[in-house]
C-alpha atoms as a PDB file:
ATOM      1  CA  MET A   1      -0.024  -0.062   0.284  1.00  0.00           C
ATOM      2  CA  ALA A   2       1.580   3.478  -0.641  1.00  0.00           C
ATOM      3  CA  LEU A   3       1.407   6.363   1.365  1.00  0.00           C
ATOM      4  CA  SER A   4       0.164   9.237   0.505  1.00  0.00           C
ATOM      5  CA  PHE A   5       0.900  12.740   2.344  1.00  0.00           C
ATOM      6  CA  TYR A   6      -2.008  15.168   2.141  1.00  0.00           C
ATOM      7  CA  ARG A   7      -0.903  18.673   1.833  1.00  0.00           C
ATOM      8  CA  PRO A   8      -3.816  21.612   2.559  1.00  0.00           C
ATOM      9  CA  ALA A   9      -3.794  24.281  -0.306  1.00  0.00           C
ATOM     10  CA  ALA A  10      -0.970  26.804   0.146  1.00  0.00           C
ATOM     11  CA  LYS A  11      -2.638  30.435   0.467  1.00  0.00           C
ATOM     12  CA  PRO A  12      -1.890  32.306  -2.053  1.00  0.00           C
ATOM     13  CA  ALA A  13       0.855  35.163  -0.956  1.00  0.00           C
ATOM     14  CA  GLU A  14      -0.085  38.702  -0.196  1.00  0.00           C
ATOM     15  CA  PRO A  15       1.744  40.424  -2.799  1.00  0.00           C
ATOM     16  CA  LEU A  16       4.405  42.942  -1.731  1.00  0.00           C
ATOM     17  CA  SER A  17       3.156  45.895  -4.209  1.00  0.00           C
ATOM     18  CA  LEU A  18       0.741  47.047  -7.233  1.00  0.00           C
ATOM     19  CA  ARG A  19       1.089  48.118 -10.293  1.00  0.00           C
ATOM     20  CA  PRO A  20      -0.805  51.887 -10.661  1.00  0.00           C
ATOM     21  CA  ARG A  21      -3.819  50.787 -11.701  1.00  0.00           C
ATOM     22  CA  GLU A  22      -4.453  47.855  -8.737  1.00  0.00           C
ATOM     23  CA  ALA A  23      -3.451  50.596  -6.401  1.00  0.00           C
ATOM     24  CA  ALA A  24      -5.568  52.975  -7.398  1.00  0.00           C
ATOM     25  CA  GLU A  25      -8.123  50.225  -7.364  1.00  0.00           C
ATOM     26  CA  SER A  26      -7.451  48.819  -4.135  1.00  0.00           C
ATOM     27  CA  LEU A  27      -7.793  52.781  -3.213  1.00  0.00           C
ATOM     28  CA  GLY A  28     -11.098  53.299  -4.430  1.00  0.00           C
ATOM     29  CA  VAL A  29      -9.758  55.980  -6.598  1.00  0.00           C
ATOM     30  CA  SER A  30      -8.895  57.132 -10.095  1.00  0.00           C
ATOM     31  CA  LEU A  31      -5.746  56.687 -11.556  1.00  0.00           C
ATOM     32  CA  SER A  32      -5.468  60.306 -11.976  1.00  0.00           C
ATOM     33  CA  THR A  33      -6.313  60.842  -8.467  1.00  0.00           C
ATOM     34  CA  LEU A  34      -3.793  57.989  -7.250  1.00  0.00           C
ATOM     35  CA  GLU A  35      -0.718  60.435  -9.531  1.00  0.00           C
ATOM     36  CA  ARG A  36      -1.908  63.905  -8.309  1.00  0.00           C
ATOM     37  CA  LEU A  37      -1.023  62.156  -4.513  1.00  0.00           C
ATOM     38  CA  THR A  38       1.620  60.453  -5.722  1.00  0.00           C
ATOM     39  CA  ARG A  39       3.182  63.790  -7.111  1.00  0.00           C
ATOM     40  CA  ALA A  40       2.204  66.003  -4.440  1.00  0.00           C
ATOM     41  CA  GLY A  41       4.227  63.501  -2.113  1.00  0.00           C
ATOM     42  CA  GLU A  42       1.593  61.737   0.258  1.00  0.00           C
ATOM     43  CA  ILE A  43       1.604  58.526  -1.614  1.00  0.00           C
ATOM     44  CA  ASP A  44       5.241  56.821  -1.939  1.00  0.00           C
ATOM     45  CA  SER A  45       5.973  54.838  -5.298  1.00  0.00           C
ATOM     46  CA  VAL A  46       8.565  52.629  -6.129  1.00  0.00           C
ATOM     47  CA  SER A  47      11.002  52.418  -9.263  1.00  0.00           C
ATOM     48  CA  ILE A  48      11.850  49.148 -10.200  1.00  0.00           C
ATOM     49  CA  GLY A  49      13.397  49.016 -13.947  1.00  0.00           C
ATOM     50  CA  ARG A  50      10.414  51.007 -16.143  1.00  0.00           C
ATOM     51  CA  CYS A  51       7.855  49.860 -13.701  1.00  0.00           C
ATOM     52  CA  ARG A  52       6.195  52.136 -11.205  1.00  0.00           C
ATOM     53  CA  VAL A  53       5.052  50.137  -7.788  1.00  0.00           C
ATOM     54  CA  TYR A  54       3.245  51.232  -4.616  1.00  0.00           C
ATOM     55  CA  GLU A  55       4.134  49.135  -1.886  1.00  0.00           C
ATOM     56  CA  VAL A  56       0.677  47.428   0.132  1.00  0.00           C
ATOM     57  CA  GLU A  57       2.549  48.342   3.344  1.00  0.00           C
ATOM     58  CA  VAL A  58       2.659  52.361   1.846  1.00  0.00           C
ATOM     59  CA  LEU A  59      -1.068  51.854   0.935  1.00  0.00           C
ATOM     60  CA  LYS A  60      -2.172  50.696   3.891  1.00  0.00           C
ATOM     61  CA  ALA A  61      -0.391  53.597   6.058  1.00  0.00           C
ATOM     62  CA  TYR A  62      -2.195  56.162   3.946  1.00  0.00           C
ATOM     63  CA  LEU A  63      -5.520  54.804   4.546  1.00  0.00           C
ATOM     64  CA  GLN A  64      -4.530  54.927   8.194  1.00  0.00           C
ATOM     65  CA  SER A  65      -2.969  58.431   8.476  1.00  0.00           C
ATOM     66  CA  ARG A  66      -6.687  59.621   6.561  1.00  0.00           C
ATOM     67  CA  ARG A  67      -8.478  57.629   8.971  1.00  0.00           C
ATOM     68  CA  GLU A  68      -6.685  58.905  11.992  1.00  0.00           C
ATOM     69  CA  SER A  69      -7.131  62.814   9.879  1.00  0.00           C
ATOM     70  CA  ALA A  70     -10.862  62.382   9.755  1.00  0.00           C
ATOM     71  CA  LYS A  71     -11.658  61.479  13.131  1.00  0.00           C
ATOM     72  CA  GLY A  72      -9.328  64.231  14.537  1.00  0.00           C
ATOM     73  CA  GLY A  73     -11.701  66.848  12.376  1.00  0.00           C
ATOM     74  CA  GLN A  74     -14.726  65.024  13.988  1.00  0.00           C
ATOM     75  CA  SER A  75     -14.377  66.748  17.499  1.00  0.00           C
END
């Protein structure tokens, strides 16, 4: 009798970075709004070769900072 080994399906790894269109969709903004935020220095991006990417952690931090500033303005 052959032994069979059960391997649970591996959970897909969360991406470390997103292309501009994916980043804009994840934030719920248009691509032009993301580009404006990048030019204004509100969201950092990274160039890898000719590609520009947005780190997922940077996008999460941006959302957190917006959430905190919105709470601070609701006194």
